[in-house]
Amino acid sequence: MRGRRITLTTDVEALGTRHRAGDQGDVEEMHADGHLTVRMDDGRRAFPTEDEVTTDQR
C-alpha cells in the first residue's frame, strides 16, 4: 500500500488539523497496528487506519 493514492472515508484529526472525508493523499508508511502515515494533498500528515480509507487505482 506504500506509495498508493488514498481517499479518506471519514473525518480524521491529526496534529491539530482536521481532514475531511473525501480528502486525498499518498501513503508514506504502513504500521503494524493498521495505521497509515499519509501525506495529504495540502502537505500535512494524517494518520488514518486502513479501514478509514479507500485505495485509488492509478
N, C-alpha and C. Protein backbone atom coordinates (compact mmCIF):
# COMPACT_ATOMS: atom_id res chain seq x y z
N MET A 1 0.83 -1.20 0.00
CA MET A 1 0.00 0.00 0.00
C MET A 1 0.87 1.26 0.00
N ARG A 2 2.12 1.14 0.38
CA ARG A 2 3.01 2.30 0.40
C ARG A 2 3.12 2.90 -0.99
N GLY A 3 3.01 4.23 -1.06
CA GLY A 3 3.07 4.92 -2.33
C GLY A 3 1.73 5.02 -3.03
N ARG A 4 0.73 4.35 -2.48
CA ARG A 4 -0.60 4.35 -3.08
C ARG A 4 -1.35 5.63 -2.78
N ARG A 5 -2.24 5.99 -3.66
CA ARG A 5 -3.12 7.14 -3.51
C ARG A 5 -4.35 6.69 -2.74
N ILE A 6 -4.77 7.46 -1.71
CA ILE A 6 -5.94 7.11 -0.91
C ILE A 6 -6.92 8.27 -0.86
N THR A 7 -8.15 7.93 -0.50
CA THR A 7 -9.19 8.90 -0.21
C THR A 7 -9.75 8.56 1.16
N LEU A 8 -9.86 9.57 2.04
CA LEU A 8 -10.44 9.33 3.37
C LEU A 8 -11.93 9.04 3.24
N THR A 9 -12.41 8.07 4.03
CA THR A 9 -13.84 7.76 4.06
C THR A 9 -14.51 8.37 5.28
N THR A 10 -13.72 8.85 6.24
CA THR A 10 -14.24 9.51 7.44
C THR A 10 -13.36 10.72 7.75
N ASP A 11 -13.84 11.61 8.59
CA ASP A 11 -13.03 12.74 9.05
C ASP A 11 -11.94 12.20 9.98
N VAL A 12 -10.74 12.75 9.85
CA VAL A 12 -9.60 12.34 10.68
C VAL A 12 -8.93 13.60 11.20
N GLU A 13 -8.68 13.65 12.51
CA GLU A 13 -7.96 14.78 13.08
C GLU A 13 -6.56 14.33 13.46
N ALA A 14 -5.56 15.09 13.02
CA ALA A 14 -4.17 14.76 13.31
C ALA A 14 -3.38 16.03 13.48
N LEU A 15 -2.63 16.09 14.57
CA LEU A 15 -1.73 17.22 14.83
C LEU A 15 -2.45 18.56 14.73
N GLY A 16 -3.69 18.60 15.21
CA GLY A 16 -4.45 19.84 15.25
C GLY A 16 -5.14 20.21 13.95
N THR A 17 -5.06 19.36 12.95
CA THR A 17 -5.69 19.62 11.65
C THR A 17 -6.76 18.57 11.38
N ARG A 18 -7.93 19.01 10.96
CA ARG A 18 -8.99 18.07 10.62
C ARG A 18 -9.02 17.89 9.11
N HIS A 19 -8.89 16.64 8.70
CA HIS A 19 -9.02 16.27 7.30
C HIS A 19 -10.40 15.67 7.14
N ARG A 20 -11.09 16.03 6.09
CA ARG A 20 -12.48 15.63 5.87
C ARG A 20 -12.58 14.41 4.96
N ALA A 21 -13.65 13.65 5.12
CA ALA A 21 -13.93 12.54 4.22
C ALA A 21 -13.91 13.08 2.79
N GLY A 22 -13.26 12.36 1.91
CA GLY A 22 -13.13 12.80 0.52
C GLY A 22 -11.77 13.41 0.22
N ASP A 23 -11.05 13.87 1.27
CA ASP A 23 -9.70 14.40 1.05
C ASP A 23 -8.78 13.28 0.59
N GLN A 24 -7.77 13.64 -0.19
CA GLN A 24 -6.88 12.64 -0.77
C GLN A 24 -5.43 12.89 -0.39
N GLY A 25 -4.63 11.82 -0.49
CA GLY A 25 -3.21 11.91 -0.22
C GLY A 25 -2.50 10.65 -0.64
N ASP A 26 -1.20 10.58 -0.34
CA ASP A 26 -0.36 9.44 -0.70
C ASP A 26 0.19 8.78 0.56
N VAL A 27 0.14 7.45 0.60
CA VAL A 27 0.63 6.69 1.75
C VAL A 27 2.15 6.77 1.79
N GLU A 28 2.69 7.18 2.94
CA GLU A 28 4.14 7.22 3.13
C GLU A 28 4.63 6.00 3.89
N GLU A 29 3.86 5.57 4.90
CA GLU A 29 4.25 4.43 5.72
C GLU A 29 3.04 3.63 6.14
N MET A 30 3.24 2.33 6.31
CA MET A 30 2.23 1.44 6.87
C MET A 30 2.78 0.95 8.21
N HIS A 31 1.92 0.90 9.22
CA HIS A 31 2.34 0.45 10.55
C HIS A 31 1.65 -0.85 10.90
N ALA A 32 2.28 -1.65 11.72
CA ALA A 32 1.78 -2.98 12.08
C ALA A 32 0.40 -2.92 12.75
N ASP A 33 0.08 -1.82 13.41
CA ASP A 33 -1.20 -1.73 14.12
C ASP A 33 -2.36 -1.31 13.21
N GLY A 34 -2.12 -1.21 11.89
CA GLY A 34 -3.17 -0.85 10.96
C GLY A 34 -3.27 0.62 10.65
N HIS A 35 -2.43 1.45 11.29
CA HIS A 35 -2.42 2.88 10.99
C HIS A 35 -1.51 3.15 9.80
N LEU A 36 -1.80 4.25 9.13
CA LEU A 36 -1.01 4.70 7.99
C LEU A 36 -0.48 6.09 8.27
N THR A 37 0.65 6.42 7.71
CA THR A 37 1.11 7.81 7.67
C THR A 37 0.86 8.25 6.24
N VAL A 38 0.03 9.29 6.09
CA VAL A 38 -0.38 9.75 4.78
C VAL A 38 -0.01 11.22 4.61
N ARG A 39 0.63 11.55 3.51
CA ARG A 39 0.91 12.95 3.17
C ARG A 39 -0.30 13.40 2.35
N MET A 40 -1.10 14.27 2.98
CA MET A 40 -2.32 14.74 2.33
C MET A 40 -1.96 15.77 1.25
N ASP A 41 -2.88 16.01 0.34
CA ASP A 41 -2.62 16.95 -0.75
C ASP A 41 -2.33 18.36 -0.27
N ASP A 42 -2.79 18.71 0.96
CA ASP A 42 -2.49 20.05 1.50
C ASP A 42 -1.10 20.12 2.12
N GLY A 43 -0.33 19.01 2.03
CA GLY A 43 1.03 18.98 2.54
C GLY A 43 1.16 18.53 3.97
N ARG A 44 0.05 18.39 4.67
CA ARG A 44 0.09 17.96 6.07
C ARG A 44 -0.04 16.44 6.16
N ARG A 45 0.35 15.90 7.30
CA ARG A 45 0.24 14.46 7.50
C ARG A 45 -1.04 14.12 8.25
N ALA A 46 -1.57 12.95 7.94
CA ALA A 46 -2.71 12.39 8.65
C ALA A 46 -2.34 10.94 8.99
N PHE A 47 -3.03 10.40 9.99
CA PHE A 47 -2.71 9.06 10.48
C PHE A 47 -3.98 8.20 10.58
N PRO A 48 -4.66 7.97 9.46
CA PRO A 48 -5.87 7.16 9.49
C PRO A 48 -5.53 5.68 9.62
N THR A 49 -6.54 4.88 9.97
CA THR A 49 -6.38 3.43 9.94
C THR A 49 -6.75 2.95 8.54
N GLU A 50 -6.37 1.73 8.21
CA GLU A 50 -6.65 1.20 6.88
C GLU A 50 -8.15 1.15 6.58
N ASP A 51 -9.00 1.02 7.61
CA ASP A 51 -10.44 0.96 7.37
C ASP A 51 -11.07 2.34 7.24
N GLU A 52 -10.27 3.41 7.34
CA GLU A 52 -10.78 4.78 7.18
C GLU A 52 -10.42 5.38 5.81
N VAL A 53 -9.91 4.52 4.91
CA VAL A 53 -9.51 4.99 3.59
C VAL A 53 -9.95 4.01 2.51
N THR A 54 -10.05 4.51 1.30
CA THR A 54 -10.16 3.65 0.13
C THR A 54 -8.93 3.90 -0.71
N THR A 55 -8.49 2.87 -1.39
CA THR A 55 -7.30 2.95 -2.22
C THR A 55 -7.72 3.23 -3.65
N ASP A 56 -7.16 4.29 -4.20
CA ASP A 56 -7.46 4.65 -5.58
C ASP A 56 -6.52 3.87 -6.49
N GLN A 57 -7.03 3.41 -7.58
CA GLN A 57 -6.21 2.73 -8.58
C GLN A 57 -5.63 3.76 -9.52
N ARG A 58 -4.34 3.71 -9.76
CA ARG A 58 -3.70 4.64 -10.70
C ARG A 58 -3.48 3.97 -12.01
